[in-house]
Amino acid sequence: MLALTRRVGEEVVIGDPGEPLGMIRVVEIHGDKVRLSFDFPKEVKINRKELAEQKVRQRENADREPPGDTAST
């Protein structure tokens, strides 16, 4: 794990600095909350951890359910 200290307006480059995969910028800080911006290609999925975990649980539950009846009425 890498822990960094950044100020508002400062950025972190992800990947090769010559051809970065993306950048994360500190937009603002209010008390204990930090607002970040992520500049990545659209193909790169970015989720908050709690949302990512929810998506994984939903996918696992869908995989466990038996296939639905596909016959039309």
Protein backbone atom coordinates (compact mmCIF):
# COMPACT_ATOMS: atom_id res chain seq x y z
CA MET A 1 0.00 0.00 0.00
CA LEU A 2 1.18 3.50 -0.82
CA ALA A 3 0.09 6.39 1.41
CA LEU A 4 0.54 9.92 0.07
CA THR A 5 -0.05 13.43 1.33
CA ARG A 6 -1.49 15.78 -1.29
CA ARG A 7 -2.87 19.31 -1.18
CA VAL A 8 -5.80 20.75 -3.13
CA GLY A 9 -4.90 20.88 -6.83
CA GLU A 10 -2.14 18.31 -6.56
CA GLU A 11 -2.35 15.10 -8.59
CA VAL A 12 -1.22 11.49 -8.54
CA VAL A 13 -0.27 9.85 -11.84
CA ILE A 14 -1.31 6.20 -12.24
CA GLY A 15 0.84 4.05 -14.52
CA ASP A 16 3.84 5.01 -16.64
CA PRO A 17 4.47 8.77 -16.27
CA GLY A 18 5.24 8.97 -20.01
CA GLU A 19 1.92 7.31 -20.91
CA PRO A 20 -0.21 7.43 -17.77
CA LEU A 21 -3.27 5.24 -17.39
CA GLY A 22 -4.94 8.09 -15.53
CA MET A 23 -4.69 10.79 -12.91
CA ILE A 24 -6.30 11.46 -9.54
CA ARG A 25 -6.56 15.08 -8.36
CA VAL A 26 -7.47 16.49 -4.96
CA VAL A 27 -10.30 18.93 -5.71
CA GLU A 28 -11.21 20.14 -2.22
CA ILE A 29 -10.88 19.30 1.44
CA HIS A 30 -13.51 20.11 4.06
CA GLY A 31 -12.75 18.84 7.55
CA ASP A 32 -12.38 15.07 7.32
CA LYS A 33 -13.81 14.85 3.78
CA VAL A 34 -11.69 14.89 0.64
CA ARG A 35 -13.16 15.41 -2.84
CA LEU A 36 -11.22 13.68 -5.61
CA SER A 37 -11.47 13.77 -9.39
CA PHE A 38 -10.49 10.80 -11.53
CA ASP A 39 -9.30 11.28 -15.10
CA PHE A 40 -9.23 7.84 -16.73
CA PRO A 41 -10.38 6.38 -20.04
CA LYS A 42 -14.06 5.36 -20.09
CA GLU A 43 -13.04 1.68 -20.28
CA VAL A 44 -11.59 1.86 -16.76
CA LYS A 45 -14.32 1.14 -14.22
CA ILE A 46 -14.15 3.27 -11.06
CA ASN A 47 -16.43 2.51 -8.10
CA ARG A 48 -16.59 3.45 -4.45
CA LYS A 49 -15.64 0.39 -2.40
CA GLU A 50 -19.10 -0.09 -0.89
CA LEU A 51 -20.71 0.07 -4.35
CA ALA A 52 -18.13 -2.35 -5.79
CA GLU A 53 -18.83 -4.82 -2.96
CA GLN A 54 -22.58 -4.50 -3.56
CA LYS A 55 -22.11 -5.24 -7.28
CA VAL A 56 -20.02 -8.33 -6.46
CA ARG A 57 -22.69 -9.62 -4.04
CA GLN A 58 -25.42 -9.07 -6.65
CA ARG A 59 -23.39 -10.90 -9.28
CA GLU A 60 -22.72 -13.80 -6.88
CA ASN A 61 -26.44 -14.02 -5.98
CA ALA A 62 -27.42 -13.99 -9.66
CA ASP A 63 -24.93 -16.81 -10.35
CA ARG A 64 -26.51 -18.92 -7.56
CA GLU A 65 -30.11 -18.52 -8.77
CA PRO A 66 -31.40 -21.22 -11.08
CA PRO A 67 -32.07 -20.08 -14.62
CA GLY A 68 -35.53 -18.55 -15.03
CA ASP A 69 -38.31 -20.04 -17.10
CA THR A 70 -37.72 -18.74 -20.61
CA ALA A 71 -41.01 -20.02 -22.05
CA SER A 72 -43.32 -17.20 -23.11
CA THR A 73 -46.97 -17.19 -22.18
